[in-house]
Amino acid sequence: SSDLDKAPRTAEGDRRRRTYSHCASKLLFGLGRISDARRELQDFIDSARDSDDEYERSQLSKALYESVSYGSARKNFDRAEEVQATLPPHLRDNVKEERAMASMMLNISSLSGTGHMGAVERFRVGETVTLVGLARTEYNGQQGTVKAVRDDGRREVMLESGTCFAVKVSNLVDPAASQIERSKAKK
């Protein structure tokens, strides 16, 4: 039993346990003990998920991006994007390298055909999008904001009217691109 296990069940003790799990996962990955490392990383992710502390959320975002390299790709990348969107700008800068590496890993996986990845950079949480190609044509051309990324790759989009939909990426376009298409159609 470690001193960490004996730490009091306080916010500080919980934070120390989370920090230990995150550091231990990195060490175990480095030693090639992949299953132990994944377990420690998942322990950290699970325990830090609801933290109100900005620094811990930035560490959670880092851990989620790092986990992309170890087989928990799309789901954890999307979760990291959601966490990162809630961080203040100075803490978003702290996860740039991890995000870039995770993005590259997903793109490589997508190109090699080893997973359902798609374009990583498209339609992140907080971005404005335009709906296109929907069977319910009354919604085509309407703009909304991406509120979440689901495990199946769909984006939860809230329209300006307050209506929320789960939409395939193929039914979303950047508002600037939709304006260009409309101007071409008028010519």
N, C-alpha and C. Protein backbone atom coordinates (compact mmCIF):
# COMPACT_ATOMS: atom_id res chain seq x y z
N SER A 1 0.85 -1.18 0.00
CA SER A 1 0.00 0.00 0.00
C SER A 1 0.89 1.24 0.00
N SER A 2 0.63 2.15 -0.91
CA SER A 2 1.45 3.35 -1.02
C SER A 2 0.93 4.45 -0.11
N ASP A 3 1.79 5.45 0.08
CA ASP A 3 1.36 6.62 0.85
C ASP A 3 0.18 7.31 0.18
N LEU A 4 0.12 7.17 -1.14
CA LEU A 4 -0.97 7.79 -1.88
C LEU A 4 -2.31 7.17 -1.50
N ASP A 5 -2.31 5.86 -1.28
CA ASP A 5 -3.55 5.19 -0.88
C ASP A 5 -3.99 5.64 0.50
N LYS A 6 -3.04 6.06 1.32
CA LYS A 6 -3.35 6.50 2.68
C LYS A 6 -3.71 7.99 2.74
N ALA A 7 -3.55 8.70 1.60
CA ALA A 7 -3.85 10.12 1.58
C ALA A 7 -5.31 10.34 1.95
N PRO A 8 -5.57 11.39 2.70
CA PRO A 8 -6.96 11.65 3.12
C PRO A 8 -7.88 11.86 1.92
N ARG A 9 -9.14 11.49 2.07
CA ARG A 9 -10.12 11.67 1.00
C ARG A 9 -10.58 13.12 1.00
N THR A 10 -9.71 13.95 0.52
CA THR A 10 -9.99 15.39 0.39
C THR A 10 -9.79 15.75 -1.07
N ALA A 11 -10.17 16.94 -1.42
CA ALA A 11 -9.98 17.39 -2.80
C ALA A 11 -8.49 17.33 -3.17
N GLU A 12 -7.62 17.72 -2.22
CA GLU A 12 -6.18 17.68 -2.48
C GLU A 12 -5.69 16.24 -2.64
N GLY A 13 -6.17 15.35 -1.78
CA GLY A 13 -5.79 13.93 -1.89
C GLY A 13 -6.25 13.33 -3.21
N ASP A 14 -7.47 13.66 -3.62
CA ASP A 14 -8.00 13.17 -4.90
C ASP A 14 -7.17 13.71 -6.06
N ARG A 15 -6.78 14.98 -5.97
CA ARG A 15 -5.97 15.58 -7.04
C ARG A 15 -4.62 14.88 -7.12
N ARG A 16 -4.03 14.56 -5.98
CA ARG A 16 -2.74 13.86 -5.97
C ARG A 16 -2.87 12.46 -6.58
N ARG A 17 -3.96 11.76 -6.25
CA ARG A 17 -4.18 10.43 -6.83
C ARG A 17 -4.33 10.52 -8.35
N ARG A 18 -5.04 11.55 -8.82
CA ARG A 18 -5.21 11.71 -10.27
C ARG A 18 -3.86 12.00 -10.93
N THR A 19 -3.08 12.88 -10.32
CA THR A 19 -1.75 13.20 -10.87
C THR A 19 -0.88 11.95 -10.92
N TYR A 20 -0.94 11.15 -9.85
CA TYR A 20 -0.17 9.90 -9.81
C TYR A 20 -0.59 8.98 -10.97
N SER A 21 -1.89 8.81 -11.17
CA SER A 21 -2.38 7.92 -12.24
C SER A 21 -1.90 8.39 -13.60
N HIS A 22 -1.93 9.71 -13.82
CA HIS A 22 -1.51 10.25 -15.11
C HIS A 22 -0.02 10.00 -15.32
N CYS A 23 0.80 10.32 -14.31
CA CYS A 23 2.25 10.10 -14.42
C CYS A 23 2.59 8.62 -14.54
N ALA A 24 1.90 7.80 -13.75
CA ALA A 24 2.16 6.36 -13.80
C ALA A 24 1.85 5.79 -15.17
N SER A 25 0.80 6.28 -15.80
CA SER A 25 0.46 5.77 -17.13
C SER A 25 1.57 6.07 -18.13
N LYS A 26 2.14 7.27 -18.06
CA LYS A 26 3.23 7.62 -18.97
C LYS A 26 4.44 6.73 -18.75
N LEU A 27 4.78 6.50 -17.49
CA LEU A 27 5.91 5.65 -17.16
C LEU A 27 5.67 4.21 -17.65
N LEU A 28 4.48 3.68 -17.39
CA LEU A 28 4.17 2.31 -17.79
C LEU A 28 4.16 2.15 -19.30
N PHE A 29 3.67 3.15 -20.04
CA PHE A 29 3.74 3.09 -21.50
C PHE A 29 5.20 3.03 -21.94
N GLY A 30 6.03 3.87 -21.31
CA GLY A 30 7.46 3.90 -21.63
C GLY A 30 8.14 2.57 -21.35
N LEU A 31 7.68 1.85 -20.34
CA LEU A 31 8.25 0.55 -19.99
C LEU A 31 7.65 -0.60 -20.81
N GLY A 32 6.70 -0.27 -21.66
CA GLY A 32 6.08 -1.30 -22.49
C GLY A 32 4.99 -2.08 -21.79
N ARG A 33 4.57 -1.65 -20.64
CA ARG A 33 3.49 -2.33 -19.90
C ARG A 33 2.16 -1.70 -20.30
N ILE A 34 1.76 -1.99 -21.51
CA ILE A 34 0.65 -1.31 -22.15
C ILE A 34 -0.67 -1.51 -21.40
N SER A 35 -1.01 -2.74 -21.02
CA SER A 35 -2.31 -2.94 -20.36
C SER A 35 -2.37 -2.23 -19.01
N ASP A 36 -1.27 -2.25 -18.24
CA ASP A 36 -1.24 -1.52 -16.97
C ASP A 36 -1.34 -0.01 -17.21
N ALA A 37 -0.64 0.44 -18.25
CA ALA A 37 -0.65 1.87 -18.58
C ALA A 37 -2.04 2.33 -18.99
N ARG A 38 -2.71 1.53 -19.80
CA ARG A 38 -4.07 1.88 -20.22
C ARG A 38 -5.00 1.97 -19.01
N ARG A 39 -4.84 1.06 -18.09
CA ARG A 39 -5.68 1.06 -16.88
C ARG A 39 -5.44 2.33 -16.06
N GLU A 40 -4.17 2.70 -15.86
CA GLU A 40 -3.85 3.93 -15.11
C GLU A 40 -4.38 5.17 -15.83
N LEU A 41 -4.21 5.19 -17.14
CA LEU A 41 -4.69 6.33 -17.92
C LEU A 41 -6.21 6.44 -17.82
N GLN A 42 -6.89 5.31 -17.92
CA GLN A 42 -8.35 5.33 -17.81
C GLN A 42 -8.79 5.75 -16.41
N ASP A 43 -8.05 5.31 -15.38
CA ASP A 43 -8.35 5.74 -14.00
C ASP A 43 -8.27 7.26 -13.90
N PHE A 44 -7.21 7.82 -14.49
CA PHE A 44 -7.06 9.28 -14.45
C PHE A 44 -8.21 9.97 -15.19
N ILE A 45 -8.51 9.49 -16.38
CA ILE A 45 -9.58 10.09 -17.19
C ILE A 45 -10.91 10.03 -16.44
N ASP A 46 -11.21 8.87 -15.86
CA ASP A 46 -12.47 8.71 -15.13
C ASP A 46 -12.56 9.63 -13.92
N SER A 47 -11.45 9.76 -13.19
CA SER A 47 -11.49 10.55 -11.96
C SER A 47 -11.44 12.06 -12.23
N ALA A 48 -10.82 12.46 -13.32
CA ALA A 48 -10.68 13.89 -13.61
C ALA A 48 -11.83 14.44 -14.46
N ARG A 49 -12.67 13.56 -14.95
CA ARG A 49 -13.74 13.94 -15.88
C ARG A 49 -14.62 15.09 -15.37
N ASP A 50 -14.96 15.09 -14.09
CA ASP A 50 -15.88 16.09 -13.55
C ASP A 50 -15.19 17.19 -12.74
N SER A 51 -13.89 17.31 -12.90
CA SER A 51 -13.15 18.31 -12.13
C SER A 51 -13.53 19.73 -12.54
N ASP A 52 -13.62 20.60 -11.54
CA ASP A 52 -13.89 22.02 -11.80
C ASP A 52 -12.60 22.82 -11.96
N ASP A 53 -11.47 22.20 -11.62
CA ASP A 53 -10.19 22.87 -11.67
C ASP A 53 -9.71 22.98 -13.13
N GLU A 54 -9.41 24.20 -13.58
CA GLU A 54 -9.00 24.42 -14.97
C GLU A 54 -7.72 23.67 -15.32
N TYR A 55 -6.75 23.68 -14.41
CA TYR A 55 -5.49 22.99 -14.69
C TYR A 55 -5.73 21.49 -14.84
N GLU A 56 -6.54 20.91 -13.96
CA GLU A 56 -6.83 19.48 -14.08
C GLU A 56 -7.57 19.17 -15.37
N ARG A 57 -8.47 20.07 -15.80
CA ARG A 57 -9.16 19.84 -17.07
C ARG A 57 -8.17 19.90 -18.23
N SER A 58 -7.16 20.78 -18.14
CA SER A 58 -6.16 20.81 -19.21
C SER A 58 -5.35 19.51 -19.21
N GLN A 59 -5.07 18.97 -18.02
CA GLN A 59 -4.36 17.69 -17.94
C GLN A 59 -5.24 16.56 -18.46
N LEU A 60 -6.54 16.64 -18.20
CA LEU A 60 -7.48 15.65 -18.73
C LEU A 60 -7.48 15.70 -20.25
N SER A 61 -7.51 16.90 -20.79
CA SER A 61 -7.47 17.05 -22.25
C SER A 61 -6.19 16.43 -22.81
N LYS A 62 -5.06 16.70 -22.17
CA LYS A 62 -3.79 16.10 -22.60
C LYS A 62 -3.87 14.58 -22.57
N ALA A 63 -4.38 14.04 -21.46
CA ALA A 63 -4.46 12.58 -21.31
C ALA A 63 -5.36 11.97 -22.39
N LEU A 64 -6.47 12.63 -22.67
CA LEU A 64 -7.37 12.11 -23.71
C LEU A 64 -6.70 12.14 -25.08
N TYR A 65 -5.99 13.24 -25.38
CA TYR A 65 -5.25 13.30 -26.65
C TYR A 65 -4.17 12.22 -26.69
N GLU A 66 -3.45 12.04 -25.57
CA GLU A 66 -2.39 11.03 -25.52
C GLU A 66 -2.95 9.63 -25.74
N SER A 67 -4.15 9.38 -25.23
CA SER A 67 -4.73 8.04 -25.33
C SER A 67 -5.04 7.65 -26.77
N VAL A 68 -5.13 8.63 -27.67
CA VAL A 68 -5.37 8.33 -29.08
C VAL A 68 -4.26 7.43 -29.62
N SER A 69 -3.03 7.65 -29.17
CA SER A 69 -1.90 6.86 -29.62
C SER A 69 -1.95 5.42 -29.12
N TYR A 70 -2.79 5.17 -28.12
CA TYR A 70 -2.81 3.85 -27.49
C TYR A 70 -4.11 3.13 -27.72
N GLY A 71 -4.84 3.47 -28.78
CA GLY A 71 -5.96 2.66 -29.19
C GLY A 71 -7.35 3.11 -28.81
N SER A 72 -7.50 4.23 -28.13
CA SER A 72 -8.84 4.71 -27.77
C SER A 72 -9.20 5.91 -28.62
N ALA A 73 -8.89 5.83 -29.87
CA ALA A 73 -8.82 6.95 -30.79
C ALA A 73 -9.99 7.94 -30.81
N ARG A 74 -10.95 7.69 -31.62
CA ARG A 74 -11.95 8.70 -31.94
C ARG A 74 -12.71 9.21 -30.72
N LYS A 75 -13.17 8.30 -29.90
CA LYS A 75 -13.98 8.68 -28.73
C LYS A 75 -13.21 9.64 -27.82
N ASN A 76 -11.97 9.31 -27.50
CA ASN A 76 -11.20 10.16 -26.60
C ASN A 76 -10.75 11.45 -27.27
N PHE A 77 -10.50 11.42 -28.57
CA PHE A 77 -10.16 12.67 -29.27
C PHE A 77 -11.33 13.64 -29.19
N ASP A 78 -12.51 13.13 -29.48
CA ASP A 78 -13.69 14.00 -29.45
C ASP A 78 -13.96 14.52 -28.04
N ARG A 79 -13.76 13.68 -27.03
CA ARG A 79 -13.94 14.11 -25.64
C ARG A 79 -12.89 15.17 -25.29
N ALA A 80 -11.65 14.99 -25.76
CA ALA A 80 -10.60 15.98 -25.51
C ALA A 80 -10.97 17.31 -26.15
N GLU A 81 -11.56 17.28 -27.34
CA GLU A 81 -11.99 18.50 -28.01
C GLU A 81 -13.04 19.22 -27.17
N GLU A 82 -13.97 18.46 -26.60
CA GLU A 82 -15.01 19.07 -25.77
C GLU A 82 -14.40 19.71 -24.52
N VAL A 83 -13.47 19.00 -23.88
CA VAL A 83 -12.83 19.54 -22.68
C VAL A 83 -12.02 20.78 -23.05
N GLN A 84 -11.25 20.69 -24.12
CA GLN A 84 -10.40 21.81 -24.52
C GLN A 84 -11.24 23.06 -24.82
N ALA A 85 -12.42 22.88 -25.39
CA ALA A 85 -13.27 24.03 -25.72
C ALA A 85 -13.70 24.79 -24.47
N THR A 86 -13.66 24.16 -23.32
CA THR A 86 -14.07 24.83 -22.07
C THR A 86 -12.90 25.51 -21.36
N LEU A 87 -11.69 25.32 -21.86
CA LEU A 87 -10.51 25.87 -21.20
C LEU A 87 -10.27 27.32 -21.61
N PRO A 88 -9.70 28.11 -20.70
CA PRO A 88 -9.30 29.46 -21.09
C PRO A 88 -8.13 29.38 -22.08
N PRO A 89 -7.96 30.41 -22.92
CA PRO A 89 -6.93 30.37 -23.97
C PRO A 89 -5.52 30.01 -23.48
N HIS A 90 -5.10 30.52 -22.33
CA HIS A 90 -3.74 30.23 -21.87
C HIS A 90 -3.55 28.74 -21.55
N LEU A 91 -4.60 28.03 -21.19
CA LEU A 91 -4.48 26.59 -20.93
C LEU A 91 -4.67 25.77 -22.21
N ARG A 92 -5.39 26.32 -23.19
CA ARG A 92 -5.50 25.61 -24.47
C ARG A 92 -4.12 25.47 -25.11
N ASP A 93 -3.29 26.49 -24.93
CA ASP A 93 -1.94 26.45 -25.48
C ASP A 93 -1.12 25.30 -24.89
N ASN A 94 -1.43 24.89 -23.66
CA ASN A 94 -0.69 23.81 -22.99
C ASN A 94 -0.91 22.45 -23.62
N VAL A 95 -1.95 22.30 -24.45
CA VAL A 95 -2.24 20.98 -25.02
C VAL A 95 -2.03 20.93 -26.53
N LYS A 96 -1.41 21.97 -27.08
CA LYS A 96 -1.22 22.04 -28.54
C LYS A 96 -0.45 20.84 -29.10
N GLU A 97 0.64 20.48 -28.45
CA GLU A 97 1.46 19.38 -28.96
C GLU A 97 0.71 18.07 -28.93
N GLU A 98 0.02 17.79 -27.82
CA GLU A 98 -0.73 16.54 -27.70
C GLU A 98 -1.85 16.49 -28.73
N ARG A 99 -2.51 17.64 -28.94
CA ARG A 99 -3.59 17.69 -29.91
C ARG A 99 -3.07 17.44 -31.33
N ALA A 100 -1.94 18.08 -31.65
CA ALA A 100 -1.36 17.90 -32.98
C ALA A 100 -0.97 16.45 -33.22
N MET A 101 -0.38 15.81 -32.21
CA MET A 101 0.02 14.40 -32.35
C MET A 101 -1.21 13.51 -32.52
N ALA A 102 -2.24 13.75 -31.70
CA ALA A 102 -3.45 12.94 -31.79
C ALA A 102 -4.13 13.12 -33.15
N SER A 103 -4.16 14.36 -33.62
CA SER A 103 -4.75 14.65 -34.91
C SER A 103 -4.00 13.91 -36.03
N MET A 104 -2.68 13.94 -35.95
CA MET A 104 -1.87 13.24 -36.93
C MET A 104 -2.13 11.73 -36.89
N MET A 105 -2.23 11.17 -35.69
CA MET A 105 -2.49 9.73 -35.54
C MET A 105 -3.84 9.36 -36.15
N LEU A 106 -4.84 10.18 -35.92
CA LEU A 106 -6.16 9.90 -36.48
C LEU A 106 -6.15 10.01 -38.00
N ASN A 107 -5.45 11.01 -38.51
CA ASN A 107 -5.37 11.16 -39.97
C ASN A 107 -4.63 10.00 -40.60
N ILE A 108 -3.56 9.53 -39.98
CA ILE A 108 -2.83 8.37 -40.50
C ILE A 108 -3.73 7.15 -40.49
N SER A 109 -4.45 6.96 -39.39
CA SER A 109 -5.36 5.83 -39.28
C SER A 109 -6.44 5.90 -40.35
N SER A 110 -6.93 7.09 -40.59
CA SER A 110 -7.96 7.29 -41.60
C SER A 110 -7.44 6.95 -43.00
N LEU A 111 -6.23 7.41 -43.29
CA LEU A 111 -5.65 7.16 -44.61
C LEU A 111 -5.31 5.70 -44.83
N SER A 112 -4.94 5.01 -43.74
CA SER A 112 -4.56 3.60 -43.89
C SER A 112 -5.77 2.69 -43.86
N GLY A 113 -6.94 3.26 -43.57
CA GLY A 113 -8.15 2.45 -43.57
C GLY A 113 -8.29 1.58 -42.34
N THR A 114 -7.60 1.93 -41.26
CA THR A 114 -7.65 1.09 -40.06
C THR A 114 -8.73 1.49 -39.08
N GLY A 115 -9.48 2.51 -39.40
CA GLY A 115 -10.52 2.91 -38.45
C GLY A 115 -11.48 3.91 -39.05
N HIS A 116 -12.57 4.13 -38.35
CA HIS A 116 -13.58 5.11 -38.77
C HIS A 116 -13.19 6.45 -38.18
N MET A 117 -12.38 7.21 -38.92
CA MET A 117 -11.85 8.43 -38.34
C MET A 117 -12.39 9.69 -38.99
N GLY A 118 -12.33 9.78 -40.31
CA GLY A 118 -12.79 11.00 -40.95
C GLY A 118 -11.82 12.14 -40.74
N ALA A 119 -12.21 13.31 -41.17
CA ALA A 119 -11.37 14.49 -41.05
C ALA A 119 -11.44 15.01 -39.62
N VAL A 120 -10.32 15.03 -38.96
CA VAL A 120 -10.26 15.38 -37.55
C VAL A 120 -10.62 16.84 -37.31
N GLU A 121 -10.18 17.71 -38.17
CA GLU A 121 -10.32 19.14 -37.92
C GLU A 121 -11.72 19.66 -38.20
N ARG A 122 -12.58 18.91 -38.80
CA ARG A 122 -13.86 19.43 -39.27
C ARG A 122 -14.92 19.45 -38.19
N PHE A 123 -15.56 20.60 -38.06
CA PHE A 123 -16.75 20.75 -37.26
C PHE A 123 -16.56 20.36 -35.80
N ARG A 124 -15.70 21.11 -35.14
CA ARG A 124 -15.42 20.90 -33.72
C ARG A 124 -16.48 21.58 -32.86
N VAL A 125 -16.53 21.20 -31.60
CA VAL A 125 -17.46 21.80 -30.66
C VAL A 125 -17.26 23.32 -30.64
N GLY A 126 -18.37 24.04 -30.74
CA GLY A 126 -18.33 25.49 -30.73
C GLY A 126 -18.34 26.13 -32.11
N GLU A 127 -18.07 25.36 -33.16
CA GLU A 127 -18.03 25.91 -34.51
C GLU A 127 -19.43 26.10 -35.07
N THR A 128 -19.59 27.12 -35.90
CA THR A 128 -20.85 27.37 -36.60
C THR A 128 -20.84 26.57 -37.89
N VAL A 129 -21.98 25.93 -38.19
CA VAL A 129 -22.11 25.09 -39.39
C VAL A 129 -23.44 25.40 -40.09
N THR A 130 -23.52 24.99 -41.35
CA THR A 130 -24.76 25.09 -42.12
C THR A 130 -25.20 23.67 -42.48
N LEU A 131 -26.49 23.38 -42.32
CA LEU A 131 -27.04 22.06 -42.65
C LEU A 131 -27.33 21.99 -44.14
N VAL A 132 -26.98 20.85 -44.76
CA VAL A 132 -27.22 20.63 -46.19
C VAL A 132 -27.58 19.17 -46.43
N GLY A 133 -28.31 18.92 -47.52
CA GLY A 133 -28.58 17.57 -47.97
C GLY A 133 -29.45 16.72 -47.05
N LEU A 134 -30.24 17.35 -46.20
CA LEU A 134 -31.10 16.61 -45.28
C LEU A 134 -32.40 16.19 -45.96
N ALA A 135 -32.94 15.06 -45.56
CA ALA A 135 -34.23 14.61 -46.08
C ALA A 135 -35.33 15.59 -45.68
N ARG A 136 -35.21 16.15 -44.49
CA ARG A 136 -36.15 17.17 -44.03
C ARG A 136 -35.66 18.52 -44.57
N THR A 137 -36.05 18.81 -45.78
CA THR A 137 -35.49 19.94 -46.54
C THR A 137 -35.72 21.29 -45.88
N GLU A 138 -36.71 21.40 -45.00
CA GLU A 138 -36.96 22.69 -44.36
C GLU A 138 -35.78 23.14 -43.49
N TYR A 139 -34.88 22.19 -43.14
CA TYR A 139 -33.73 22.54 -42.31
C TYR A 139 -32.48 22.83 -43.13
N ASN A 140 -32.49 22.47 -44.41
CA ASN A 140 -31.33 22.74 -45.26
C ASN A 140 -31.09 24.25 -45.35
N GLY A 141 -29.83 24.65 -45.23
CA GLY A 141 -29.45 26.05 -45.30
C GLY A 141 -29.47 26.76 -43.95
N GLN A 142 -30.02 26.11 -42.93
CA GLN A 142 -30.05 26.74 -41.61
C GLN A 142 -28.70 26.59 -40.92
N GLN A 143 -28.35 27.58 -40.11
CA GLN A 143 -27.09 27.56 -39.39
C GLN A 143 -27.31 27.15 -37.94
N GLY A 144 -26.28 26.54 -37.37
CA GLY A 144 -26.31 26.16 -35.97
C GLY A 144 -24.90 26.06 -35.43
N THR A 145 -24.81 25.65 -34.18
CA THR A 145 -23.52 25.52 -33.51
C THR A 145 -23.33 24.07 -33.06
N VAL A 146 -22.13 23.53 -33.31
CA VAL A 146 -21.82 22.17 -32.86
C VAL A 146 -21.71 22.19 -31.34
N LYS A 147 -22.54 21.39 -30.68
CA LYS A 147 -22.57 21.33 -29.21
C LYS A 147 -21.82 20.13 -28.67
N ALA A 148 -21.73 19.05 -29.45
CA ALA A 148 -21.04 17.83 -28.99
C ALA A 148 -20.70 16.97 -30.20
N VAL A 149 -19.75 16.06 -30.00
CA VAL A 149 -19.38 15.08 -31.01
C VAL A 149 -19.70 13.72 -30.43
N ARG A 150 -20.55 12.96 -31.13
CA ARG A 150 -20.97 11.65 -30.63
C ARG A 150 -19.96 10.57 -31.02
N ASP A 151 -20.07 9.43 -30.34
CA ASP A 151 -19.18 8.30 -30.63
C ASP A 151 -19.29 7.82 -32.07
N ASP A 152 -20.48 7.95 -32.67
CA ASP A 152 -20.67 7.50 -34.05
C ASP A 152 -20.19 8.53 -35.08
N GLY A 153 -19.59 9.65 -34.60
CA GLY A 153 -19.05 10.66 -35.49
C GLY A 153 -20.01 11.78 -35.83
N ARG A 154 -21.29 11.59 -35.53
CA ARG A 154 -22.26 12.67 -35.79
C ARG A 154 -22.00 13.85 -34.87
N ARG A 155 -22.43 15.02 -35.34
CA ARG A 155 -22.31 16.23 -34.54
C ARG A 155 -23.68 16.61 -34.02
N GLU A 156 -23.76 16.91 -32.75
CA GLU A 156 -25.00 17.44 -32.20
C GLU A 156 -24.98 18.94 -32.47
N VAL A 157 -25.94 19.37 -33.27
CA VAL A 157 -25.98 20.76 -33.72
C VAL A 157 -27.24 21.43 -33.19
N MET A 158 -27.05 22.58 -32.55
CA MET A 158 -28.20 23.37 -32.10
C MET A 158 -28.39 24.52 -33.08
N LEU A 159 -29.59 24.54 -33.67
CA LEU A 159 -29.92 25.60 -34.61
C LEU A 159 -30.21 26.89 -33.86
N GLU A 160 -30.20 27.99 -34.59
CA GLU A 160 -30.49 29.29 -33.99
C GLU A 160 -31.88 29.31 -33.35
N SER A 161 -32.79 28.45 -33.84
CA SER A 161 -34.15 28.37 -33.30
C SER A 161 -34.19 27.61 -31.97
N GLY A 162 -33.07 26.94 -31.61
CA GLY A 162 -33.02 26.16 -30.38
C GLY A 162 -33.23 24.67 -30.60
N THR A 163 -33.61 24.28 -31.82
CA THR A 163 -33.78 22.87 -32.16
C THR A 163 -32.42 22.20 -32.23
N CYS A 164 -32.32 20.99 -31.69
CA CYS A 164 -31.04 20.27 -31.69
C CYS A 164 -31.16 18.98 -32.50
N PHE A 165 -30.15 18.69 -33.34
CA PHE A 165 -30.12 17.50 -34.18
C PHE A 165 -28.77 16.80 -34.06
N ALA A 166 -28.78 15.49 -34.26
CA ALA A 166 -27.54 14.73 -34.45
C ALA A 166 -27.38 14.58 -35.96
N VAL A 167 -26.31 15.16 -36.51
CA VAL A 167 -26.16 15.27 -37.96
C VAL A 167 -24.85 14.63 -38.40
N LYS A 168 -24.90 13.89 -39.52
CA LYS A 168 -23.68 13.34 -40.11
C LYS A 168 -22.81 14.48 -40.62
N VAL A 169 -21.50 14.27 -40.57
CA VAL A 169 -20.56 15.29 -41.05
C VAL A 169 -20.81 15.60 -42.52
N SER A 170 -21.25 14.60 -43.28
CA SER A 170 -21.51 14.82 -44.71
C SER A 170 -22.69 15.78 -44.95
N ASN A 171 -23.48 16.06 -43.91
CA ASN A 171 -24.60 16.99 -44.04
C ASN A 171 -24.30 18.35 -43.41
N LEU A 172 -23.03 18.64 -43.22
CA LEU A 172 -22.60 19.91 -42.66
C LEU A 172 -21.61 20.58 -43.58
N VAL A 173 -21.70 21.89 -43.66
CA VAL A 173 -20.69 22.66 -44.38
C VAL A 173 -20.36 23.89 -43.56
N ASP A 174 -19.20 24.43 -43.82
CA ASP A 174 -18.79 25.69 -43.22
C ASP A 174 -19.68 26.78 -43.79
N PRO A 175 -20.17 27.69 -42.96
CA PRO A 175 -21.05 28.76 -43.47
C PRO A 175 -20.43 29.55 -44.61
N ALA A 176 -19.13 29.79 -44.57
CA ALA A 176 -18.47 30.53 -45.65
C ALA A 176 -18.57 29.75 -46.96
N ALA A 177 -18.40 28.42 -46.88
CA ALA A 177 -18.48 27.58 -48.08
C ALA A 177 -19.91 27.58 -48.63
N SER A 178 -20.91 27.59 -47.75
CA SER A 178 -22.29 27.58 -48.22
C SER A 178 -22.63 28.91 -48.90
N GLN A 179 -22.04 30.03 -48.45
CA GLN A 179 -22.27 31.31 -49.09
C GLN A 179 -21.65 31.35 -50.47
N ILE A 180 -20.48 30.74 -50.62
CA ILE A 180 -19.82 30.69 -51.94
C ILE A 180 -20.69 29.89 -52.91
N GLU A 181 -21.22 28.74 -52.44
CA GLU A 181 -22.07 27.91 -53.30
C GLU A 181 -23.32 28.67 -53.72
N ARG A 182 -23.93 29.42 -52.79
CA ARG A 182 -25.14 30.19 -53.11
C ARG A 182 -24.83 31.27 -54.13
N SER A 183 -23.67 31.92 -53.99
CA SER A 183 -23.32 32.99 -54.95
C SER A 183 -23.02 32.41 -56.32
N LYS A 184 -22.45 31.21 -56.39
CA LYS A 184 -22.21 30.54 -57.68
C LYS A 184 -23.53 30.18 -58.35
N ALA A 185 -24.49 29.72 -57.54
CA ALA A 185 -25.78 29.30 -58.07
C ALA A 185 -26.55 30.49 -58.65
N LYS A 186 -26.35 31.70 -58.10
CA LYS A 186 -27.04 32.90 -58.59
C LYS A 186 -26.51 33.36 -59.92
N LYS A 187 -25.27 33.03 -60.26
CA LYS A 187 -24.63 33.51 -61.50
C LYS A 187 -25.14 32.81 -62.72
